[in-house]
Protein backbone atom coordinates (compact mmCIF):
# COMPACT_ATOMS: atom_id res chain seq x y z
CA MET A 1 9.25 1.02 -0.28
CA LEU A 2 11.88 -0.25 2.12
CA MET A 3 15.48 0.54 3.08
CA ASP A 4 18.25 -1.90 2.21
CA ASN A 5 20.61 -0.73 4.95
CA ASP A 6 23.39 -3.12 3.93
CA SER A 7 23.59 -1.66 0.41
CA GLY A 8 22.59 1.96 1.19
CA ARG A 9 19.54 2.11 -1.06
CA GLY A 10 15.79 2.46 -0.95
CA LEU A 11 13.87 -0.22 -2.84
CA VAL A 12 10.39 -0.25 -4.35
CA MET A 13 9.23 -3.84 -4.70
CA THR A 14 6.30 -5.84 -5.97
CA VAL A 15 5.53 -8.87 -3.82
CA ASP A 16 3.75 -11.91 -5.24
CA ASP A 17 2.17 -13.65 -2.27
CA ALA A 18 1.17 -16.71 -4.31
CA SER A 19 4.68 -17.54 -5.57
CA LEU A 20 6.45 -16.07 -2.51
CA THR A 21 8.69 -13.88 -4.70
CA ALA A 22 9.53 -10.20 -4.83
CA THR A 23 10.65 -8.07 -7.77
CA VAL A 24 12.64 -4.85 -7.44
CA ASP A 25 10.80 -2.18 -9.45
CA ALA A 26 13.09 0.75 -8.58
CA GLU A 27 16.10 1.54 -6.41
CA PHE A 28 17.36 4.84 -5.03
CA GLY A 29 20.91 5.17 -3.70
CA THR A 30 21.79 7.03 -0.54
CA HIS A 31 24.88 9.24 -0.21
CA GLU A 32 26.63 6.38 1.62
CA ALA A 33 27.40 2.89 0.32
CA GLN A 34 26.01 1.31 3.52
CA CYS A 35 23.61 2.51 6.21
CA PHE A 36 24.41 -0.05 8.90
CA ALA A 37 21.56 -0.13 11.45
CA GLN A 38 19.40 2.83 10.39
CA GLY A 39 18.08 4.50 7.29
CA THR A 40 15.05 6.21 5.75
CA ALA A 41 13.14 5.28 2.60
CA MET A 42 9.82 7.07 2.13
CA ASP A 43 7.58 8.42 -0.60
CA THR A 44 6.63 12.09 -0.74
CA PRO A 45 2.99 13.02 -1.36
CA ASN A 46 3.79 13.52 -5.08
CA GLY A 47 5.41 10.07 -5.40
CA ASN A 48 9.07 11.07 -5.17
CA ALA A 49 11.47 9.02 -3.04
CA VAL A 50 13.41 10.38 -0.05
CA VAL A 51 16.33 8.20 1.07
CA ALA A 52 19.04 8.65 3.68
CA CYS A 53 21.23 6.82 6.16
CA ALA A 54 21.57 7.96 9.78
CA THR A 55 24.01 10.68 8.67
CA PRO A 56 23.58 14.37 7.77
CA TRP A 57 22.97 13.54 4.07
CA VAL A 58 19.55 13.17 2.41
CA ARG A 59 18.49 12.70 -1.23
CA GLU A 60 15.24 13.06 -3.17
CA TYR A 61 14.54 11.30 -6.47
CA ASP A 62 11.66 11.98 -8.86
CA THR A 63 9.26 9.30 -10.12
CA THR A 64 11.54 8.53 -13.10
CA GLY A 65 14.49 7.77 -10.78
CA SER A 66 16.40 11.00 -11.48
CA LEU A 67 18.16 12.63 -8.53
CA LEU A 68 16.39 15.95 -7.81
CA TRP A 69 18.60 17.16 -4.99
CA GLU A 70 20.99 16.14 -2.25
CA ALA A 71 21.64 18.05 0.96
CA GLU A 72 23.83 17.92 4.03
CA ILE A 73 22.35 19.31 7.24
CA GLN A 74 24.15 21.41 9.80
CA CYS A 75 22.52 21.27 13.23
CA ALA A 76 23.44 23.04 16.42
CA ASN A 77 23.19 20.41 19.12
CA ASN A 78 22.88 21.83 22.64
CA GLY A 79 24.67 25.01 21.63
CA GLY A 80 27.11 23.59 19.10
CA GLY A 81 28.79 20.56 17.69
CA GLY A 82 26.30 19.61 14.99
CA TRP A 83 25.88 16.06 13.75
CA THR A 84 28.29 13.48 15.15
CA PRO A 85 28.82 9.79 14.26
CA GLY A 86 26.45 7.69 16.30
CA SER A 87 23.69 10.30 16.11
CA ALA A 88 20.35 9.10 14.80
CA THR A 89 19.02 11.26 11.98
CA ARG A 90 15.51 10.62 10.65
CA TRP A 91 14.12 12.16 7.48
CA TYR A 92 10.40 12.58 6.75
CA PRO A 93 8.86 14.19 3.67
CA ILE A 94 6.47 17.04 4.47
CA ASP A 95 3.44 17.95 2.38
CA TRP A 96 3.57 21.75 2.08
CA GLU A 97 0.25 22.09 0.25
């Protein structure tokens, strides 16, 4: 899985080393249309996809490509303020089992 920052989507791809081609098997849109320089595209332990740009929004999709949930974080930063443009937000799935 990789992040297509320019199009704001996570991609699952199959790469054929012999023919030097890649096929998109699945795509998962972020909340934003474009991530610019940073984004997250990762699998959870159960195979779901977590995708996000460097913003307060994150999404999780199930293995069929259906959106499970979307959330916006609110963080207190040094006593207030929360997320601001230019901040770098990273999202990582956690295995709670």
